[in-house]
Amino acid sequence: MAVLEDLPGVEVTVQIAGKDAIEYDADDDDDGEKSLAKHPTCPTVTKYIECIDDAEFAIKVVASREYEWGYKNHALMATVYIDGNHIISRIISDPTEDILDSTKAFCQQSRQWKRYKLKFSAVSITDDSHPERLTQDLKVVKQLGLIRVDALHQNLVIPRDSPSSSAQAFSKLSPAEIERLAKERFEQIKGNKGLKSETKPIKQEFEQRRNLVEGNEIPTPTKRLAQFVDLTID
């Protein structure tokens, strides 16, 4: 298994037919570890295994309690690359043992996404010595047969733009753009006022229809003549 002294509690193992593959240590003068590291200070370990043609394999990633999980929202991102191609990524937020044995790929025949088991492919030899073919093959050979697993710290925090960045973005607008935005906002406010004024007659009409259905007469103002009464009459 691949174990980093600087990262205790994290182990990576390649399994063939459900069993851990026999591993061989890299030579002391092997500079492969330096070339694999994304940063010179990034700790890296290299192991060699025997590839069996057409044999299915899996990658076991273990994050035990020995790993320093630390603060809340802390996690590990385990990313697998095979032959230089990204295969799968998993976020590990608590002690676990994860088996990565398949990947998704688009099938041209069925025009659908399918899941395929990881399998060692046979290497063929060709006599084609065309310069373009040689250049392409050299690029492929650099990553051929390489199983790479990156275990990186992840902070699960959603980035948000600060108010200062929004103000800076507004200050970069041209006068014509500012005028256009102001007109759009003015038309929007004007349209909202028009909608509010139209709601009053609709409400009044609804009240009148409801009174007619219920059989209640709508009160209407009337005029009455004033009458004088003589209070001195017995």
C-alpha atoms as a PDB file:
ATOM      1  CA  MET A   1       0.000   0.000   0.000  1.00  0.00           C
ATOM      2  CA  ALA A   2       1.084   3.578  -0.620  1.00  0.00           C
ATOM      3  CA  VAL A   3       1.466   5.411   2.686  1.00  0.00           C
ATOM      4  CA  LEU A   4       2.855   8.895   3.200  1.00  0.00           C
ATOM      5  CA  GLU A   5       4.767   9.581   6.397  1.00  0.00           C
ATOM      6  CA  ASP A   6       3.659  13.201   6.229  1.00  0.00           C
ATOM      7  CA  LEU A   7       0.010  12.156   5.876  1.00  0.00           C
ATOM      8  CA  PRO A   8      -0.699   9.429   8.464  1.00  0.00           C
ATOM      9  CA  GLY A   9      -4.082   7.736   8.346  1.00  0.00           C
ATOM     10  CA  VAL A  10      -4.401   7.800   4.537  1.00  0.00           C
ATOM     11  CA  GLU A  11      -3.616   4.639   2.541  1.00  0.00           C
ATOM     12  CA  VAL A  12      -3.977   3.783  -1.158  1.00  0.00           C
ATOM     13  CA  THR A  13      -3.864   0.210  -2.469  1.00  0.00           C
ATOM     14  CA  VAL A  14      -4.432  -1.337  -5.908  1.00  0.00           C
ATOM     15  CA  GLN A  15      -6.451  -4.565  -5.805  1.00  0.00           C
ATOM     16  CA  ILE A  16      -6.586  -7.237  -8.516  1.00  0.00           C
ATOM     17  CA  ALA A  17      -9.343  -9.864  -8.293  1.00  0.00           C
ATOM     18  CA  GLY A  18     -10.227  -8.572  -4.829  1.00  0.00           C
ATOM     19  CA  LYS A  19      -6.712  -8.995  -3.420  1.00  0.00           C
ATOM     20  CA  ASP A  20      -4.016  -6.433  -2.768  1.00  0.00           C
ATOM     21  CA  ALA A  21      -1.504  -6.366  -5.608  1.00  0.00           C
ATOM     22  CA  ILE A  22       2.141  -7.123  -4.831  1.00  0.00           C
ATOM     23  CA  GLU A  23       4.007  -3.834  -4.603  1.00  0.00           C
ATOM     24  CA  TYR A  24       7.629  -2.981  -5.284  1.00  0.00           C
ATOM     25  CA  ASP A  25       9.414   0.060  -3.928  1.00  0.00           C
ATOM     26  CA  ALA A  26      10.891   2.633  -6.270  1.00  0.00           C
ATOM     27  CA  ASP A  27      14.671   2.944  -6.570  1.00  0.00           C
ATOM     28  CA  ASP A  28      16.400   5.535  -4.439  1.00  0.00           C
ATOM     29  CA  ASP A  29      17.588   7.418  -7.522  1.00  0.00           C
ATOM     30  CA  ASP A  30      14.155   7.325  -9.169  1.00  0.00           C
ATOM     31  CA  ASP A  31      12.994  10.886  -9.883  1.00  0.00           C
ATOM     32  CA  GLY A  32       9.430   9.784 -10.679  1.00  0.00           C
ATOM     33  CA  GLU A  33       8.110  11.049  -7.374  1.00  0.00           C
ATOM     34  CA  LYS A  34       9.379  14.567  -8.054  1.00  0.00           C
ATOM     35  CA  SER A  35       7.796  14.622 -11.502  1.00  0.00           C
ATOM     36  CA  LEU A  36       4.414  13.486 -10.139  1.00  0.00           C
ATOM     37  CA  ALA A  37       4.192  16.174  -7.480  1.00  0.00           C
ATOM     38  CA  LYS A  38       2.193  19.257  -8.448  1.00  0.00           C
ATOM     39  CA  HIS A  39       4.346  21.298  -6.081  1.00  0.00           C
ATOM     40  CA  PRO A  40       7.946  20.669  -4.970  1.00  0.00           C
ATOM     41  CA  THR A  41       6.868  20.627  -1.304  1.00  0.00           C
ATOM     42  CA  CYS A  42       3.966  18.210  -1.900  1.00  0.00           C
ATOM     43  CA  PRO A  43       4.799  14.808  -0.333  1.00  0.00           C
ATOM     44  CA  THR A  44       4.623  11.941  -2.831  1.00  0.00           C
ATOM     45  CA  VAL A  45       5.223   8.190  -2.706  1.00  0.00           C
ATOM     46  CA  THR A  46       5.620   5.799  -5.669  1.00  0.00           C
ATOM     47  CA  LYS A  47       4.968   2.042  -5.800  1.00  0.00           C
ATOM     48  CA  TYR A  48       5.209  -0.428  -8.703  1.00  0.00           C
ATOM     49  CA  ILE A  49       2.843  -3.324  -9.402  1.00  0.00           C
ATOM     50  CA  GLU A  50       2.523  -5.939 -12.139  1.00  0.00           C
ATOM     51  CA  CYS A  51      -0.195  -5.265 -14.729  1.00  0.00           C
ATOM     52  CA  ILE A  52      -2.059  -8.308 -16.048  1.00  0.00           C
ATOM     53  CA  ASP A  53      -3.655  -7.881 -19.472  1.00  0.00           C
ATOM     54  CA  ASP A  54      -7.478  -7.641 -19.414  1.00  0.00           C
ATOM     55  CA  ALA A  55      -7.563  -8.063 -15.623  1.00  0.00           C
ATOM     56  CA  GLU A  56     -10.040  -5.926 -13.699  1.00  0.00           C
ATOM     57  CA  PHE A  57      -8.647  -3.888 -10.845  1.00  0.00           C
ATOM     58  CA  ALA A  58      -9.817  -1.504  -8.149  1.00  0.00           C
ATOM     59  CA  ILE A  59      -8.281   1.265  -6.079  1.00  0.00           C
ATOM     60  CA  LYS A  60      -8.864   1.184  -2.334  1.00  0.00           C
ATOM     61  CA  VAL A  61      -8.604   4.494  -0.506  1.00  0.00           C
ATOM     62  CA  VAL A  62      -8.610   4.347   3.290  1.00  0.00           C
ATOM     63  CA  ALA A  63      -8.907   7.357   5.583  1.00  0.00           C
ATOM     64  CA  SER A  64      -8.727   6.167   9.185  1.00  0.00           C
ATOM     65  CA  ARG A  65      -9.151   7.933  12.511  1.00  0.00           C
ATOM     66  CA  GLU A  66      -5.385   8.413  12.651  1.00  0.00           C
ATOM     67  CA  TYR A  67      -5.755  11.168  10.092  1.00  0.00           C
ATOM     68  CA  GLU A  68      -5.997  14.642  11.615  1.00  0.00           C
ATOM     69  CA  TRP A  69      -9.518  15.608  10.595  1.00  0.00           C
ATOM     70  CA  GLY A  70      -9.221  18.905  12.418  1.00  0.00           C
ATOM     71  CA  TYR A  71     -11.877  21.570  12.233  1.00  0.00           C
ATOM     72  CA  LYS A  72     -15.457  21.480  10.956  1.00  0.00           C
ATOM     73  CA  ASN A  73     -16.036  21.383   7.174  1.00  0.00           C
ATOM     74  CA  HIS A  74     -12.595  19.820   6.690  1.00  0.00           C
ATOM     75  CA  ALA A  75     -12.415  17.025   4.109  1.00  0.00           C
ATOM     76  CA  LEU A  76     -10.146  15.171   1.710  1.00  0.00           C
ATOM     77  CA  MET A  77     -10.575  15.086  -2.044  1.00  0.00           C
ATOM     78  CA  ALA A  78      -9.379  11.770  -3.505  1.00  0.00           C
ATOM     79  CA  THR A  79      -8.868  12.149  -7.259  1.00  0.00           C
ATOM     80  CA  VAL A  80      -7.863   9.218  -9.468  1.00  0.00           C
ATOM     81  CA  TYR A  81      -6.004   9.568 -12.773  1.00  0.00           C
ATOM     82  CA  ILE A  82      -5.198   6.607 -15.029  1.00  0.00           C
ATOM     83  CA  ASP A  83      -2.915   7.015 -18.049  1.00  0.00           C
ATOM     84  CA  GLY A  84      -3.150  10.762 -17.481  1.00  0.00           C
ATOM     85  CA  ASN A  85      -6.960  10.778 -17.728  1.00  0.00           C
ATOM     86  CA  HIS A  86      -9.257  11.834 -14.895  1.00  0.00           C
ATOM     87  CA  ILE A  87     -11.340   8.854 -13.782  1.00  0.00           C
ATOM     88  CA  ILE A  88     -13.205   9.771 -10.614  1.00  0.00           C
ATOM     89  CA  SER A  89     -13.152  12.080  -7.597  1.00  0.00           C
ATOM     90  CA  ARG A  90     -14.537  11.467  -4.129  1.00  0.00           C
ATOM     91  CA  ILE A  91     -14.942  13.771  -1.138  1.00  0.00           C
ATOM     92  CA  ILE A  92     -14.059  12.051   2.151  1.00  0.00           C
ATOM     93  CA  SER A  93     -15.336  13.883   5.219  1.00  0.00           C
ATOM     94  CA  ASP A  94     -15.073  11.132   7.851  1.00  0.00           C
ATOM     95  CA  PRO A  95     -13.158   7.865   8.443  1.00  0.00           C
ATOM     96  CA  THR A  96     -14.021   5.449   5.652  1.00  0.00           C
ATOM     97  CA  GLU A  97     -12.773   2.774   3.248  1.00  0.00           C
ATOM     98  CA  ASP A  98     -13.743   3.484  -0.342  1.00  0.00           C
ATOM     99  CA  ILE A  99     -13.349   1.090  -3.273  1.00  0.00           C
ATOM    100  CA  LEU A 100     -13.078   2.765  -6.680  1.00  0.00           C
ATOM    101  CA  ASP A 101     -13.521   0.111  -9.367  1.00  0.00           C
ATOM    102  CA  SER A 102     -15.413   1.762 -12.226  1.00  0.00           C
ATOM    103  CA  THR A 103     -15.875   4.931 -14.217  1.00  0.00           C
ATOM    104  CA  LYS A 104     -18.521   6.483 -16.439  1.00  0.00           C
ATOM    105  CA  ALA A 105     -17.986   7.021 -20.151  1.00  0.00           C
ATOM    106  CA  PHE A 106     -20.171   7.952 -23.105  1.00  0.00           C
ATOM    107  CA  CYS A 107     -20.950   5.033 -25.431  1.00  0.00           C
ATOM    108  CA  GLN A 108     -20.987   6.100 -29.076  1.00  0.00           C
ATOM    109  CA  GLN A 109     -23.061   3.078 -30.152  1.00  0.00           C
ATOM    110  CA  SER A 110     -25.926   3.411 -27.663  1.00  0.00           C
ATOM    111  CA  ARG A 111     -25.527   7.211 -27.322  1.00  0.00           C
ATOM    112  CA  GLN A 112     -25.818   6.841 -23.558  1.00  0.00           C
ATOM    113  CA  TRP A 113     -23.587   7.133 -20.524  1.00  0.00           C
ATOM    114  CA  LYS A 114     -22.461   3.763 -19.163  1.00  0.00           C
ATOM    115  CA  ARG A 115     -20.371   2.571 -16.244  1.00  0.00           C
ATOM    116  CA  TYR A 116     -17.320   0.477 -17.060  1.00  0.00           C
ATOM    117  CA  LYS A 117     -15.098  -1.600 -14.789  1.00  0.00           C
ATOM    118  CA  LEU A 118     -11.450  -0.590 -14.542  1.00  0.00           C
ATOM    119  CA  LYS A 119      -9.330  -3.015 -16.562  1.00  0.00           C
ATOM    120  CA  PHE A 120      -5.703  -3.315 -17.613  1.00  0.00           C
ATOM    121  CA  SER A 121      -5.351  -3.066 -21.394  1.00  0.00           C
ATOM    122  CA  ALA A 122      -2.762  -4.869 -23.466  1.00  0.00           C
ATOM    123  CA  VAL A 123      -0.004  -2.797 -25.056  1.00  0.00           C
ATOM    124  CA  SER A 124       0.478  -3.321 -28.787  1.00  0.00           C
ATOM    125  CA  ILE A 125       3.586  -2.584 -30.858  1.00  0.00           C
ATOM    126  CA  THR A 126       3.430  -0.985 -34.289  1.00  0.00           C
ATOM    127  CA  ASP A 127       6.010  -0.400 -37.027  1.00  0.00           C
ATOM    128  CA  ASP A 128       4.488   2.936 -38.030  1.00  0.00           C
ATOM    129  CA  SER A 129       7.350   5.450 -37.936  1.00  0.00           C
ATOM    130  CA  HIS A 130       5.452   8.476 -39.184  1.00  0.00           C
ATOM    131  CA  PRO A 131       6.666  11.621 -37.353  1.00  0.00           C
ATOM    132  CA  GLU A 132       3.166  12.669 -36.296  1.00  0.00           C
ATOM    133  CA  ARG A 133       2.458   9.194 -34.946  1.00  0.00           C
ATOM    134  CA  LEU A 134       5.747   9.154 -33.031  1.00  0.00           C
ATOM    135  CA  THR A 135       5.028  12.541 -31.476  1.00  0.00           C
ATOM    136  CA  GLN A 136       1.581  11.407 -30.364  1.00  0.00           C
ATOM    137  CA  ASP A 137       2.860   8.102 -28.980  1.00  0.00           C
ATOM    138  CA  LEU A 138       5.587   9.845 -26.980  1.00  0.00           C
ATOM    139  CA  LYS A 139       2.960  11.963 -25.228  1.00  0.00           C
ATOM    140  CA  VAL A 140       0.908   8.863 -24.414  1.00  0.00           C
ATOM    141  CA  VAL A 141       3.891   6.844 -23.160  1.00  0.00           C
ATOM    142  CA  LYS A 142       4.729   9.462 -20.521  1.00  0.00           C
ATOM    143  CA  GLN A 143       1.500   8.630 -18.642  1.00  0.00           C
ATOM    144  CA  LEU A 144       1.004   5.054 -19.868  1.00  0.00           C
ATOM    145  CA  GLY A 145       0.413   2.562 -17.059  1.00  0.00           C
ATOM    146  CA  LEU A 146       0.365   5.288 -14.418  1.00  0.00           C
ATOM    147  CA  ILE A 147      -2.255   5.106 -11.658  1.00  0.00           C
ATOM    148  CA  ARG A 148      -2.184   8.367  -9.767  1.00  0.00           C
ATOM    149  CA  VAL A 149      -4.212   9.230  -6.660  1.00  0.00           C
ATOM    150  CA  ASP A 150      -4.174  12.772  -5.288  1.00  0.00           C
ATOM    151  CA  ALA A 151      -5.321  13.201  -1.673  1.00  0.00           C
ATOM    152  CA  LEU A 152      -5.694  16.927  -1.105  1.00  0.00           C
ATOM    153  CA  HIS A 153      -7.171  19.020   1.681  1.00  0.00           C
ATOM    154  CA  GLN A 154     -10.532  20.568   0.874  1.00  0.00           C
ATOM    155  CA  ASN A 155     -12.339  23.402   2.648  1.00  0.00           C
ATOM    156  CA  LEU A 156     -16.064  23.074   1.967  1.00  0.00           C
ATOM    157  CA  VAL A 157     -16.780  26.803   1.887  1.00  0.00           C
ATOM    158  CA  ILE A 158     -18.911  28.394  -0.823  1.00  0.00           C
ATOM    159  CA  PRO A 159     -17.080  31.440  -2.183  1.00  0.00           C
ATOM    160  CA  ARG A 160     -19.095  34.658  -2.248  1.00  0.00           C
ATOM    161  CA  ASP A 161     -18.293  37.972  -3.841  1.00  0.00           C
ATOM    162  CA  SER A 162     -17.554  40.703  -1.331  1.00  0.00           C
ATOM    163  CA  PRO A 163     -19.527  43.989  -1.467  1.00  0.00           C
ATOM    164  CA  SER A 164     -16.327  45.799  -2.385  1.00  0.00           C
ATOM    165  CA  SER A 165     -15.948  43.657  -5.521  1.00  0.00           C
ATOM    166  CA  SER A 166     -19.511  44.548  -6.601  1.00  0.00           C
ATOM    167  CA  ALA A 167     -18.767  48.250  -6.149  1.00  0.00           C
ATOM    168  CA  GLN A 168     -15.596  47.909  -8.175  1.00  0.00           C
ATOM    169  CA  ALA A 169     -17.485  46.115 -10.937  1.00  0.00           C
ATOM    170  CA  PHE A 170     -20.062  48.945 -11.081  1.00  0.00           C
ATOM    171  CA  SER A 171     -17.346  51.591 -11.261  1.00  0.00           C
ATOM    172  CA  LYS A 172     -15.921  49.889 -14.357  1.00  0.00           C
ATOM    173  CA  LEU A 173     -19.174  50.326 -16.321  1.00  0.00           C
ATOM    174  CA  SER A 174     -19.206  52.833 -19.138  1.00  0.00           C
ATOM    175  CA  PRO A 175     -21.550  55.885 -19.004  1.00  0.00           C
ATOM    176  CA  ALA A 176     -23.691  54.365 -21.767  1.00  0.00           C
ATOM    177  CA  GLU A 177     -24.050  51.117 -19.806  1.00  0.00           C
ATOM    178  CA  ILE A 178     -25.006  52.981 -16.630  1.00  0.00           C
ATOM    179  CA  GLU A 179     -27.619  54.997 -18.552  1.00  0.00           C
ATOM    180  CA  ARG A 180     -29.075  51.813 -20.041  1.00  0.00           C
ATOM    181  CA  LEU A 181     -29.377  50.156 -16.614  1.00  0.00           C
ATOM    182  CA  ALA A 182     -30.996  53.299 -15.181  1.00  0.00           C
ATOM    183  CA  LYS A 183     -33.609  53.349 -17.963  1.00  0.00           C
ATOM    184  CA  GLU A 184     -34.409  49.677 -17.433  1.00  0.00           C
ATOM    185  CA  ARG A 185     -34.880  50.251 -13.707  1.00  0.00           C
ATOM    186  CA  PHE A 186     -37.059  53.318 -14.354  1.00  0.00           C
ATOM    187  CA  GLU A 187     -39.303  51.377 -16.746  1.00  0.00           C
ATOM    188  CA  GLN A 188     -39.562  48.570 -14.198  1.00  0.00           C
ATOM    189  CA  ILE A 189     -40.664  50.937 -11.414  1.00  0.00           C
ATOM    190  CA  LYS A 190     -43.098  52.682 -13.754  1.00  0.00           C
ATOM    191  CA  GLY A 191     -44.607  49.363 -14.763  1.00  0.00           C
ATOM    192  CA  ASN A 192     -45.088  48.310 -11.137  1.00  0.00           C
ATOM    193  CA  LYS A 193     -47.025  51.524 -10.379  1.00  0.00           C
ATOM    194  CA  GLY A 194     -49.306  50.888 -13.342  1.00  0.00           C
ATOM    195  CA  LEU A 195     -50.118  47.419 -12.079  1.00  0.00           C
ATOM    196  CA  LYS A 196     -51.034  48.728  -8.620  1.00  0.00           C
ATOM    197  CA  SER A 197     -53.432  51.384  -9.985  1.00  0.00           C
ATOM    198  CA  GLU A 198     -55.298  48.801 -12.076  1.00  0.00           C
ATOM    199  CA  THR A 199     -56.132  46.627  -9.080  1.00  0.00           C
ATOM    200  CA  LYS A 200     -58.613  49.110  -7.538  1.00  0.00           C
ATOM    201  CA  PRO A 201     -61.442  48.940 -10.135  1.00  0.00           C
ATOM    202  CA  ILE A 202     -61.034  45.170 -10.313  1.00  0.00           C
ATOM    203  CA  LYS A 203     -61.625  44.918  -6.565  1.00  0.00           C
ATOM    204  CA  GLN A 204     -64.664  47.213  -6.698  1.00  0.00           C
ATOM    205  CA  GLU A 205     -66.185  45.261  -9.583  1.00  0.00           C
ATOM    206  CA  PHE A 206     -65.679  42.039  -7.644  1.00  0.00           C
ATOM    207  CA  GLU A 207     -67.491  43.462  -4.603  1.00  0.00           C
ATOM    208  CA  GLN A 208     -70.454  44.509  -6.770  1.00  0.00           C
ATOM    209  CA  ARG A 209     -70.732  41.082  -8.392  1.00  0.00           C
ATOM    210  CA  ARG A 210     -70.574  39.370  -5.031  1.00  0.00           C
ATOM    211  CA  ASN A 211     -73.427  41.493  -3.661  1.00  0.00           C
ATOM    212  CA  LEU A 212     -75.583  40.702  -6.685  1.00  0.00           C
ATOM    213  CA  VAL A 213     -75.013  36.981  -6.278  1.00  0.00           C
ATOM    214  CA  GLU A 214     -75.843  37.058  -2.568  1.00  0.00           C
ATOM    215  CA  GLY A 215     -79.026  39.024  -3.259  1.00  0.00           C
ATOM    216  CA  ASN A 216     -78.030  42.086  -1.305  1.00  0.00           C
ATOM    217  CA  GLU A 217     -78.934  45.395  -2.775  1.00  0.00           C
ATOM    218  CA  ILE A 218     -76.122  47.795  -3.300  1.00  0.00           C
ATOM    219  CA  PRO A 219     -76.812  50.917  -1.210  1.00  0.00           C
ATOM    220  CA  THR A 220     -77.109  54.053  -3.287  1.00  0.00           C
ATOM    221  CA  PRO A 221     -77.194  57.620  -1.997  1.00  0.00           C
ATOM    222  CA  THR A 222     -80.680  59.332  -2.096  1.00  0.00           C
ATOM    223  CA  LYS A 223     -81.850  62.930  -1.588  1.00  0.00           C
ATOM    224  CA  ARG A 224     -84.741  63.719   0.837  1.00  0.00           C
ATOM    225  CA  LEU A 225     -86.543  67.067   1.150  1.00  0.00           C
ATOM    226  CA  ALA A 226     -86.469  68.738   4.541  1.00  0.00           C
ATOM    227  CA  GLN A 227     -89.888  68.836   6.381  1.00  0.00           C
ATOM    228  CA  PHE A 228     -90.777  71.319   9.121  1.00  0.00           C
ATOM    229  CA  VAL A 229     -92.901  70.116  12.067  1.00  0.00           C
ATOM    230  CA  ASP A 230     -94.843  72.611  14.211  1.00  0.00           C
ATOM    231  CA  LEU A 231     -94.342  71.549  17.810  1.00  0.00           C
ATOM    232  CA  THR A 232     -96.832  74.176  19.159  1.00  0.00           C
ATOM    233  CA  ILE A 233     -99.869  72.312  17.857  1.00  0.00           C
ATOM    234  CA  ASP A 234    -101.730  70.455  20.668  1.00  0.00           C
END
